[in-house]
Amino acid sequence: MPQPQGAELEAIRTRRDELRDQYLMPSGKRPAPTVKGFHHVALICKDVEETIRFYQELLGFPLVELVENRDYAGSSHFFFDVGNRNLLGFFDFPGHDHPPFEETIGAVQHIALSTDADNFAAARERLDEAGISYVGPDRGIDDSLYIRDPNGIGLEFYREELAVFNGTPLLG
């Protein structure tokens, strides 16, 4: 995808600075959130078993529930434990034609998953053993490794503490 350059790029950067100045409040001045956090993130998969095998067997996220979707007969709704009482959920929609993943408005660009150094190394080893390609430490970002699941969903293994970005705590 082409990236902006020249005057267009400078205008975008200026606008970002304006937005930051207008909306980003200092940590001590931010209001408390109105919710407790994510109960689950719900995504769509093309094949239930393939998705279960990928997340549970390859990535090590235990499957914790598999039921029929209450809104669509025959559809499955299932959840994986991704740690810290967070769930990653999936639906399938039998009979729907699902086009291949496309990075566009409304799509998930990626889900960043916090991990420690040992689990980061273990994930990389499992991906190598499975022959799954990734983008990561080789491109100069030592603490991130990016893959796509069988549905095209982007996942980042991020060797960083929760609520910390590039070594800077984002929450007080």
N, C-alpha and C. Protein backbone atom coordinates (compact mmCIF):
# COMPACT_ATOMS: atom_id res chain seq x y z
N MET A 1 0.84 -1.16 0.00
CA MET A 1 0.00 0.00 0.00
C MET A 1 0.89 1.23 0.00
N PRO A 2 0.59 2.21 -0.86
CA PRO A 2 1.45 3.39 -0.94
C PRO A 2 1.36 4.23 0.33
N GLN A 3 2.49 4.75 0.74
CA GLN A 3 2.55 5.58 1.95
C GLN A 3 2.63 7.04 1.54
N PRO A 4 2.01 7.93 2.34
CA PRO A 4 2.06 9.35 2.01
C PRO A 4 3.49 9.88 2.05
N GLN A 5 3.73 10.92 1.28
CA GLN A 5 5.05 11.54 1.22
C GLN A 5 4.90 13.05 1.15
N GLY A 6 6.00 13.74 1.36
CA GLY A 6 6.05 15.18 1.16
C GLY A 6 5.06 15.96 1.98
N ALA A 7 4.39 16.91 1.33
CA ALA A 7 3.44 17.80 2.01
C ALA A 7 2.28 17.02 2.63
N GLU A 8 1.83 15.96 1.94
CA GLU A 8 0.75 15.13 2.48
C GLU A 8 1.16 14.49 3.80
N LEU A 9 2.37 13.95 3.86
CA LEU A 9 2.89 13.33 5.07
C LEU A 9 3.02 14.36 6.19
N GLU A 10 3.52 15.51 5.89
CA GLU A 10 3.66 16.57 6.91
C GLU A 10 2.31 17.01 7.45
N ALA A 11 1.31 17.11 6.59
CA ALA A 11 -0.04 17.48 7.03
C ALA A 11 -0.62 16.42 7.97
N ILE A 12 -0.39 15.16 7.66
CA ILE A 12 -0.85 14.06 8.52
C ILE A 12 -0.17 14.14 9.88
N ARG A 13 1.12 14.36 9.89
CA ARG A 13 1.87 14.46 11.16
C ARG A 13 1.41 15.66 11.98
N THR A 14 1.16 16.78 11.33
CA THR A 14 0.68 17.96 12.03
C THR A 14 -0.69 17.69 12.64
N ARG A 15 -1.57 17.04 11.89
CA ARG A 15 -2.91 16.72 12.40
C ARG A 15 -2.82 15.78 13.59
N ARG A 16 -1.92 14.79 13.55
CA ARG A 16 -1.74 13.87 14.68
C ARG A 16 -1.31 14.63 15.92
N ASP A 17 -0.38 15.57 15.76
CA ASP A 17 0.06 16.39 16.89
C ASP A 17 -1.10 17.19 17.47
N GLU A 18 -1.94 17.75 16.59
CA GLU A 18 -3.10 18.52 17.05
C GLU A 18 -4.06 17.63 17.85
N LEU A 19 -4.31 16.44 17.35
CA LEU A 19 -5.20 15.50 18.04
C LEU A 19 -4.62 15.10 19.39
N ARG A 20 -3.33 14.83 19.44
CA ARG A 20 -2.67 14.47 20.70
C ARG A 20 -2.82 15.59 21.71
N ASP A 21 -2.56 16.83 21.25
CA ASP A 21 -2.66 17.99 22.14
C ASP A 21 -4.09 18.20 22.64
N GLN A 22 -5.06 17.94 21.78
CA GLN A 22 -6.45 18.18 22.14
C GLN A 22 -7.04 17.07 23.04
N TYR A 23 -6.70 15.80 22.78
CA TYR A 23 -7.41 14.70 23.42
C TYR A 23 -6.61 13.88 24.43
N LEU A 24 -5.30 13.85 24.35
CA LEU A 24 -4.53 12.99 25.24
C LEU A 24 -4.31 13.70 26.56
N MET A 25 -4.97 13.19 27.61
CA MET A 25 -4.86 13.79 28.94
C MET A 25 -3.72 13.15 29.71
N PRO A 26 -3.08 13.89 30.60
CA PRO A 26 -2.05 13.29 31.45
C PRO A 26 -2.65 12.17 32.30
N SER A 27 -1.85 11.20 32.63
CA SER A 27 -2.30 10.01 33.35
C SER A 27 -3.18 10.34 34.55
N GLY A 28 -2.77 11.27 35.41
CA GLY A 28 -3.52 11.59 36.62
C GLY A 28 -4.82 12.33 36.39
N LYS A 29 -5.05 12.82 35.17
CA LYS A 29 -6.25 13.61 34.87
C LYS A 29 -7.29 12.83 34.05
N ARG A 30 -6.97 11.60 33.68
CA ARG A 30 -7.90 10.81 32.87
C ARG A 30 -9.03 10.27 33.75
N PRO A 31 -10.25 10.25 33.21
CA PRO A 31 -11.34 9.63 33.97
C PRO A 31 -11.17 8.11 34.00
N ALA A 32 -11.80 7.48 34.98
CA ALA A 32 -11.78 6.01 35.04
C ALA A 32 -12.60 5.46 33.87
N PRO A 33 -12.20 4.33 33.33
CA PRO A 33 -13.00 3.72 32.27
C PRO A 33 -14.39 3.35 32.79
N THR A 34 -15.34 3.26 31.88
CA THR A 34 -16.71 2.93 32.26
C THR A 34 -16.99 1.43 32.21
N VAL A 35 -16.01 0.62 31.84
CA VAL A 35 -16.15 -0.84 31.82
C VAL A 35 -14.95 -1.46 32.52
N LYS A 36 -15.01 -2.77 32.76
CA LYS A 36 -13.94 -3.49 33.45
C LYS A 36 -12.82 -3.94 32.51
N GLY A 37 -13.09 -3.95 31.23
CA GLY A 37 -12.12 -4.43 30.25
C GLY A 37 -12.83 -5.30 29.22
N PHE A 38 -12.07 -5.99 28.41
CA PHE A 38 -12.65 -6.88 27.42
C PHE A 38 -13.09 -8.17 28.10
N HIS A 39 -14.32 -8.57 27.88
CA HIS A 39 -14.73 -9.91 28.28
C HIS A 39 -14.15 -10.88 27.27
N HIS A 40 -14.39 -10.58 26.00
CA HIS A 40 -13.77 -11.33 24.91
C HIS A 40 -13.77 -10.47 23.65
N VAL A 41 -12.87 -10.80 22.77
CA VAL A 41 -12.85 -10.25 21.43
C VAL A 41 -13.44 -11.34 20.55
N ALA A 42 -14.44 -11.03 19.75
CA ALA A 42 -15.11 -12.03 18.92
C ALA A 42 -14.70 -11.86 17.46
N LEU A 43 -14.16 -12.91 16.89
CA LEU A 43 -13.69 -12.90 15.51
C LEU A 43 -14.43 -13.98 14.72
N ILE A 44 -14.25 -13.98 13.43
CA ILE A 44 -14.91 -14.96 12.57
C ILE A 44 -13.87 -15.90 11.99
N CYS A 45 -14.19 -17.20 12.01
CA CYS A 45 -13.29 -18.19 11.43
C CYS A 45 -13.99 -18.93 10.31
N LYS A 46 -13.20 -19.53 9.42
CA LYS A 46 -13.79 -20.30 8.33
C LYS A 46 -13.93 -21.77 8.68
N ASP A 47 -13.12 -22.28 9.61
CA ASP A 47 -13.14 -23.70 9.96
C ASP A 47 -12.88 -23.84 11.46
N VAL A 48 -13.86 -24.36 12.18
CA VAL A 48 -13.77 -24.46 13.64
C VAL A 48 -12.59 -25.33 14.06
N GLU A 49 -12.48 -26.54 13.50
CA GLU A 49 -11.41 -27.44 13.93
C GLU A 49 -10.03 -26.88 13.60
N GLU A 50 -9.86 -26.32 12.42
CA GLU A 50 -8.57 -25.73 12.05
C GLU A 50 -8.19 -24.61 13.02
N THR A 51 -9.17 -23.81 13.40
CA THR A 51 -8.92 -22.71 14.32
C THR A 51 -8.57 -23.24 15.71
N ILE A 52 -9.29 -24.25 16.18
CA ILE A 52 -8.98 -24.85 17.48
C ILE A 52 -7.57 -25.43 17.48
N ARG A 53 -7.25 -26.16 16.45
CA ARG A 53 -5.91 -26.78 16.41
C ARG A 53 -4.81 -25.72 16.40
N PHE A 54 -5.01 -24.65 15.66
CA PHE A 54 -4.01 -23.59 15.58
C PHE A 54 -3.82 -22.92 16.94
N TYR A 55 -4.91 -22.49 17.55
CA TYR A 55 -4.79 -21.73 18.80
C TYR A 55 -4.44 -22.61 20.00
N GLN A 56 -5.02 -23.80 20.07
CA GLN A 56 -4.76 -24.64 21.23
C GLN A 56 -3.48 -25.45 21.08
N GLU A 57 -3.35 -26.15 19.97
CA GLU A 57 -2.21 -27.05 19.81
C GLU A 57 -0.92 -26.33 19.44
N LEU A 58 -1.00 -25.33 18.59
CA LEU A 58 0.22 -24.63 18.18
C LEU A 58 0.58 -23.48 19.13
N LEU A 59 -0.40 -22.64 19.43
CA LEU A 59 -0.09 -21.47 20.25
C LEU A 59 -0.20 -21.71 21.75
N GLY A 60 -0.90 -22.76 22.16
CA GLY A 60 -1.00 -23.08 23.58
C GLY A 60 -2.07 -22.32 24.33
N PHE A 61 -3.13 -21.92 23.64
CA PHE A 61 -4.25 -21.23 24.29
C PHE A 61 -5.36 -22.25 24.51
N PRO A 62 -5.64 -22.63 25.76
CA PRO A 62 -6.65 -23.67 26.01
C PRO A 62 -8.05 -23.26 25.54
N LEU A 63 -8.70 -24.19 24.87
CA LEU A 63 -10.11 -24.02 24.52
C LEU A 63 -10.91 -24.17 25.81
N VAL A 64 -11.78 -23.20 26.11
CA VAL A 64 -12.52 -23.24 27.37
C VAL A 64 -14.02 -23.36 27.19
N GLU A 65 -14.52 -23.20 25.96
CA GLU A 65 -15.95 -23.38 25.71
C GLU A 65 -16.19 -23.53 24.22
N LEU A 66 -17.19 -24.35 23.87
CA LEU A 66 -17.60 -24.54 22.48
C LEU A 66 -19.10 -24.82 22.50
N VAL A 67 -19.90 -23.84 22.04
CA VAL A 67 -21.36 -23.96 22.07
C VAL A 67 -21.93 -23.47 20.74
N GLU A 68 -23.23 -23.67 20.59
CA GLU A 68 -23.88 -23.13 19.40
C GLU A 68 -24.14 -21.64 19.61
N ASN A 69 -23.92 -20.87 18.58
CA ASN A 69 -24.18 -19.44 18.59
C ASN A 69 -25.67 -19.22 18.81
N ARG A 70 -26.02 -18.40 19.77
CA ARG A 70 -27.43 -18.18 20.09
C ARG A 70 -28.16 -17.36 19.04
N ASP A 71 -27.43 -16.74 18.12
CA ASP A 71 -28.06 -15.87 17.11
C ASP A 71 -28.08 -16.46 15.70
N TYR A 72 -27.47 -17.64 15.51
CA TYR A 72 -27.35 -18.18 14.15
C TYR A 72 -27.30 -19.71 14.26
N ALA A 73 -28.37 -20.36 13.86
CA ALA A 73 -28.47 -21.82 13.98
C ALA A 73 -27.33 -22.51 13.24
N GLY A 74 -26.69 -23.44 13.92
CA GLY A 74 -25.60 -24.21 13.33
C GLY A 74 -24.23 -23.58 13.49
N SER A 75 -24.20 -22.31 13.82
CA SER A 75 -22.93 -21.61 14.00
C SER A 75 -22.35 -21.94 15.37
N SER A 76 -21.04 -22.07 15.43
CA SER A 76 -20.35 -22.32 16.71
C SER A 76 -19.83 -21.01 17.28
N HIS A 77 -19.80 -20.95 18.61
CA HIS A 77 -19.19 -19.83 19.34
C HIS A 77 -18.25 -20.49 20.33
N PHE A 78 -16.97 -20.15 20.26
CA PHE A 78 -16.00 -20.81 21.13
C PHE A 78 -14.95 -19.83 21.61
N PHE A 79 -14.33 -20.20 22.75
CA PHE A 79 -13.43 -19.29 23.44
C PHE A 79 -12.12 -19.96 23.80
N PHE A 80 -11.05 -19.17 23.73
CA PHE A 80 -9.73 -19.59 24.19
C PHE A 80 -9.30 -18.69 25.34
N ASP A 81 -8.59 -19.27 26.30
CA ASP A 81 -7.99 -18.53 27.39
C ASP A 81 -6.65 -17.99 26.90
N VAL A 82 -6.52 -16.65 26.89
CA VAL A 82 -5.26 -16.03 26.48
C VAL A 82 -4.55 -15.37 27.66
N GLY A 83 -4.93 -15.79 28.87
CA GLY A 83 -4.26 -15.30 30.07
C GLY A 83 -4.90 -14.07 30.67
N ASN A 84 -4.60 -13.83 31.93
CA ASN A 84 -5.04 -12.64 32.65
C ASN A 84 -6.57 -12.48 32.62
N ARG A 85 -7.30 -13.62 32.59
CA ARG A 85 -8.76 -13.65 32.56
C ARG A 85 -9.33 -13.02 31.29
N ASN A 86 -8.55 -13.08 30.20
CA ASN A 86 -8.99 -12.57 28.90
C ASN A 86 -9.33 -13.73 27.99
N LEU A 87 -10.37 -13.54 27.19
CA LEU A 87 -10.82 -14.58 26.28
C LEU A 87 -10.75 -14.09 24.83
N LEU A 88 -10.39 -15.01 23.95
CA LEU A 88 -10.42 -14.77 22.52
C LEU A 88 -11.53 -15.66 21.97
N GLY A 89 -12.56 -15.06 21.40
CA GLY A 89 -13.72 -15.81 20.92
C GLY A 89 -13.78 -15.86 19.41
N PHE A 90 -14.44 -16.90 18.93
CA PHE A 90 -14.64 -17.08 17.49
C PHE A 90 -16.05 -17.54 17.20
N PHE A 91 -16.54 -17.16 16.04
CA PHE A 91 -17.77 -17.67 15.46
C PHE A 91 -17.42 -18.27 14.11
N ASP A 92 -18.18 -19.26 13.70
CA ASP A 92 -18.18 -19.65 12.29
C ASP A 92 -19.60 -19.41 11.79
N PHE A 93 -19.77 -19.24 10.51
CA PHE A 93 -21.10 -19.02 9.94
C PHE A 93 -21.26 -19.95 8.74
N PRO A 94 -21.65 -21.21 9.00
CA PRO A 94 -21.82 -22.16 7.91
C PRO A 94 -22.78 -21.62 6.84
N GLY A 95 -22.39 -21.80 5.61
CA GLY A 95 -23.21 -21.34 4.49
C GLY A 95 -22.83 -19.97 3.97
N HIS A 96 -22.04 -19.24 4.71
CA HIS A 96 -21.59 -17.93 4.24
C HIS A 96 -20.33 -18.08 3.40
N ASP A 97 -20.24 -17.31 2.36
CA ASP A 97 -19.03 -17.26 1.55
C ASP A 97 -18.12 -16.19 2.17
N HIS A 98 -16.99 -16.60 2.68
CA HIS A 98 -16.08 -15.66 3.31
C HIS A 98 -14.91 -15.36 2.39
N PRO A 99 -14.79 -14.10 1.97
CA PRO A 99 -13.65 -13.75 1.12
C PRO A 99 -12.35 -13.81 1.93
N PRO A 100 -11.22 -13.87 1.26
CA PRO A 100 -9.93 -13.88 1.97
C PRO A 100 -9.75 -12.58 2.77
N PHE A 101 -8.90 -12.64 3.77
CA PHE A 101 -8.62 -11.47 4.60
C PHE A 101 -8.17 -10.31 3.73
N GLU A 102 -8.63 -9.12 4.11
CA GLU A 102 -8.19 -7.90 3.46
C GLU A 102 -7.98 -6.84 4.54
N GLU A 103 -6.87 -6.16 4.48
CA GLU A 103 -6.61 -5.09 5.44
C GLU A 103 -7.37 -3.85 4.98
N THR A 104 -8.48 -3.60 5.67
CA THR A 104 -9.36 -2.50 5.27
C THR A 104 -10.09 -1.96 6.49
N ILE A 105 -10.83 -0.90 6.32
CA ILE A 105 -11.60 -0.30 7.41
C ILE A 105 -12.52 -1.37 8.00
N GLY A 106 -12.53 -1.46 9.32
CA GLY A 106 -13.38 -2.43 10.02
C GLY A 106 -12.73 -3.77 10.24
N ALA A 107 -11.62 -4.05 9.57
CA ALA A 107 -10.92 -5.31 9.76
C ALA A 107 -9.99 -5.20 10.98
N VAL A 108 -9.60 -6.32 11.51
CA VAL A 108 -8.62 -6.35 12.60
C VAL A 108 -7.23 -6.28 11.98
N GLN A 109 -6.47 -5.23 12.31
CA GLN A 109 -5.12 -5.14 11.77
C GLN A 109 -4.24 -6.20 12.43
N HIS A 110 -4.27 -6.26 13.76
CA HIS A 110 -3.65 -7.37 14.49
C HIS A 110 -4.06 -7.29 15.95
N ILE A 111 -3.89 -8.40 16.64
CA ILE A 111 -4.12 -8.47 18.08
C ILE A 111 -2.76 -8.68 18.71
N ALA A 112 -2.37 -7.77 19.60
CA ALA A 112 -1.07 -7.87 20.27
C ALA A 112 -1.23 -8.64 21.57
N LEU A 113 -0.44 -9.68 21.72
CA LEU A 113 -0.50 -10.56 22.88
C LEU A 113 0.78 -10.40 23.70
N SER A 114 0.64 -9.95 24.94
CA SER A 114 1.78 -9.74 25.81
C SER A 114 2.38 -11.08 26.22
N THR A 115 3.71 -11.16 26.16
CA THR A 115 4.39 -12.39 26.56
C THR A 115 5.75 -12.06 27.17
N ASP A 116 6.28 -13.01 27.90
CA ASP A 116 7.62 -12.81 28.47
C ASP A 116 8.67 -13.41 27.53
N ALA A 117 9.92 -13.20 27.86
CA ALA A 117 11.02 -13.62 26.98
C ALA A 117 11.02 -15.13 26.72
N ASP A 118 10.78 -15.93 27.76
CA ASP A 118 10.80 -17.39 27.59
C ASP A 118 9.68 -17.86 26.66
N ASN A 119 8.46 -17.34 26.86
CA ASN A 119 7.34 -17.75 26.01
C ASN A 119 7.45 -17.18 24.61
N PHE A 120 8.08 -16.03 24.47
CA PHE A 120 8.34 -15.45 23.15
C PHE A 120 9.26 -16.40 22.37
N ALA A 121 10.33 -16.83 23.00
CA ALA A 121 11.27 -17.75 22.35
C ALA A 121 10.60 -19.09 22.03
N ALA A 122 9.78 -19.58 22.95
CA ALA A 122 9.09 -20.85 22.73
C ALA A 122 8.09 -20.75 21.57
N ALA A 123 7.38 -19.63 21.48
CA ALA A 123 6.45 -19.43 20.37
C ALA A 123 7.19 -19.42 19.04
N ARG A 124 8.30 -18.73 19.01
CA ARG A 124 9.10 -18.66 17.79
C ARG A 124 9.60 -20.05 17.38
N GLU A 125 10.01 -20.83 18.36
CA GLU A 125 10.47 -22.20 18.09
C GLU A 125 9.34 -23.06 17.54
N ARG A 126 8.14 -22.97 18.15
CA ARG A 126 6.99 -23.76 17.67
C ARG A 126 6.62 -23.36 16.24
N LEU A 127 6.65 -22.06 15.94
CA LEU A 127 6.35 -21.60 14.59
C LEU A 127 7.38 -22.12 13.59
N ASP A 128 8.65 -22.07 13.98
CA ASP A 128 9.71 -22.60 13.10
C ASP A 128 9.49 -24.09 12.85
N GLU A 129 9.20 -24.85 13.91
CA GLU A 129 8.98 -26.29 13.77
C GLU A 129 7.79 -26.60 12.88
N ALA A 130 6.75 -25.77 12.95
CA ALA A 130 5.54 -25.98 12.16
C ALA A 130 5.67 -25.41 10.75
N GLY A 131 6.77 -24.73 10.47
CA GLY A 131 6.96 -24.15 9.14
C GLY A 131 6.07 -22.95 8.87
N ILE A 132 5.68 -22.25 9.93
CA ILE A 132 4.83 -21.08 9.78
C ILE A 132 5.70 -19.84 9.71
N SER A 133 5.52 -19.08 8.64
CA SER A 133 6.35 -17.89 8.46
C SER A 133 5.86 -16.76 9.35
N TYR A 134 6.76 -15.90 9.70
CA TYR A 134 6.44 -14.75 10.53
C TYR A 134 7.36 -13.61 10.17
N VAL A 135 6.94 -12.42 10.58
CA VAL A 135 7.77 -11.24 10.47
C VAL A 135 8.07 -10.84 11.89
N GLY A 136 9.29 -10.48 12.16
CA GLY A 136 9.57 -10.18 13.55
C GLY A 136 10.92 -9.60 13.80
N PRO A 137 11.58 -10.21 14.75
CA PRO A 137 12.85 -9.63 15.20
C PRO A 137 13.82 -9.32 14.05
N ASP A 138 13.66 -9.99 12.94
CA ASP A 138 14.56 -9.78 11.81
C ASP A 138 14.40 -8.41 11.16
N ARG A 139 13.29 -7.70 11.41
CA ARG A 139 13.10 -6.40 10.76
C ARG A 139 13.45 -5.24 11.68
N GLY A 140 14.18 -5.52 12.75
CA GLY A 140 14.65 -4.46 13.62
C GLY A 140 13.76 -4.17 14.81
N ILE A 141 12.67 -4.90 14.93
CA ILE A 141 11.80 -4.75 16.09
C ILE A 141 11.99 -6.01 16.93
N ASP A 142 12.91 -5.92 17.87
CA ASP A 142 13.35 -7.10 18.60
C ASP A 142 12.29 -7.72 19.50
N ASP A 143 11.28 -6.95 19.90
CA ASP A 143 10.33 -7.45 20.88
C ASP A 143 8.99 -7.87 20.27
N SER A 144 8.89 -7.93 18.94
CA SER A 144 7.63 -8.30 18.29
C SER A 144 7.83 -9.37 17.23
N LEU A 145 6.83 -10.23 17.13
CA LEU A 145 6.81 -11.28 16.12
C LEU A 145 5.38 -11.33 15.60
N TYR A 146 5.18 -11.22 14.29
CA TYR A 146 3.86 -11.13 13.68
C TYR A 146 3.58 -12.36 12.82
N ILE A 147 2.37 -12.91 12.99
CA ILE A 147 1.91 -14.02 12.16
C ILE A 147 0.47 -13.77 11.74
N ARG A 148 -0.02 -14.59 10.86
CA ARG A 148 -1.45 -14.61 10.51
C ARG A 148 -1.98 -16.00 10.84
N ASP A 149 -3.15 -16.03 11.45
CA ASP A 149 -3.78 -17.31 11.75
C ASP A 149 -4.40 -17.88 10.47
N PRO A 150 -5.00 -19.07 10.51
CA PRO A 150 -5.57 -19.66 9.28
C PRO A 150 -6.69 -18.84 8.66
N ASN A 151 -7.22 -17.88 9.41
CA ASN A 151 -8.31 -17.04 8.92
C ASN A 151 -7.80 -15.70 8.39
N GLY A 152 -6.50 -15.47 8.47
CA GLY A 152 -5.91 -14.22 8.03
C GLY A 152 -5.80 -13.18 9.14
N ILE A 153 -6.21 -13.52 10.36
CA ILE A 153 -6.16 -12.58 11.47
C ILE A 153 -4.71 -12.39 11.90
N GLY A 154 -4.30 -11.14 12.03
CA GLY A 154 -2.94 -10.83 12.44
C GLY A 154 -2.78 -10.94 13.95
N LEU A 155 -1.71 -11.62 14.36
CA LEU A 155 -1.36 -11.75 15.77
C LEU A 155 0.05 -11.26 15.97
N GLU A 156 0.26 -10.53 17.03
CA GLU A 156 1.60 -10.09 17.40
C GLU A 156 1.93 -10.68 18.76
N PHE A 157 3.04 -11.36 18.84
CA PHE A 157 3.58 -11.75 20.14
C PHE A 157 4.49 -10.60 20.54
N TYR A 158 4.10 -9.91 21.59
CA TYR A 158 4.78 -8.68 22.01
C TYR A 158 5.46 -8.93 23.34
N ARG A 159 6.78 -8.91 23.32
CA ARG A 159 7.58 -9.16 24.53
C ARG A 159 7.61 -7.88 25.35
N GLU A 160 6.46 -7.63 26.02
CA GLU A 160 6.29 -6.40 26.79
C GLU A 160 5.21 -6.64 27.83
N GLU A 161 5.30 -5.93 28.94
CA GLU A 161 4.27 -6.03 29.98
C GLU A 161 2.95 -5.44 29.47
N LEU A 162 1.85 -5.89 30.06
CA LEU A 162 0.56 -5.32 29.73
C LEU A 162 0.55 -3.82 30.03
N ALA A 163 -0.11 -3.06 29.19
CA ALA A 163 -0.29 -1.60 29.34
C ALA A 163 1.03 -0.83 29.27
N VAL A 164 2.04 -1.43 28.65
CA VAL A 164 3.32 -0.76 28.41
C VAL A 164 3.56 -0.80 26.90
N PHE A 165 3.97 0.32 26.32
CA PHE A 165 4.24 0.37 24.88
C PHE A 165 5.63 0.97 24.68
N ASN A 166 6.48 0.21 24.01
CA ASN A 166 7.87 0.65 23.76
C ASN A 166 8.57 1.08 25.05
N GLY A 167 8.32 0.32 26.12
CA GLY A 167 8.96 0.59 27.39
C GLY A 167 8.32 1.68 28.22
N THR A 168 7.27 2.32 27.71
CA THR A 168 6.61 3.41 28.43
C THR A 168 5.27 2.93 28.97
N PRO A 169 5.06 3.00 30.30
CA PRO A 169 3.75 2.65 30.86
C PRO A 169 2.68 3.60 30.34
N LEU A 170 1.58 3.05 29.86
CA LEU A 170 0.50 3.86 29.34
C LEU A 170 -0.59 4.13 30.38
N LEU A 171 -0.62 3.32 31.40
CA LEU A 171 -1.62 3.49 32.46
C LEU A 171 -0.94 3.76 33.78
N GLY A 172 -1.54 4.67 34.56
CA GLY A 172 -0.96 5.05 35.85
C GLY A 172 -1.17 4.05 36.94
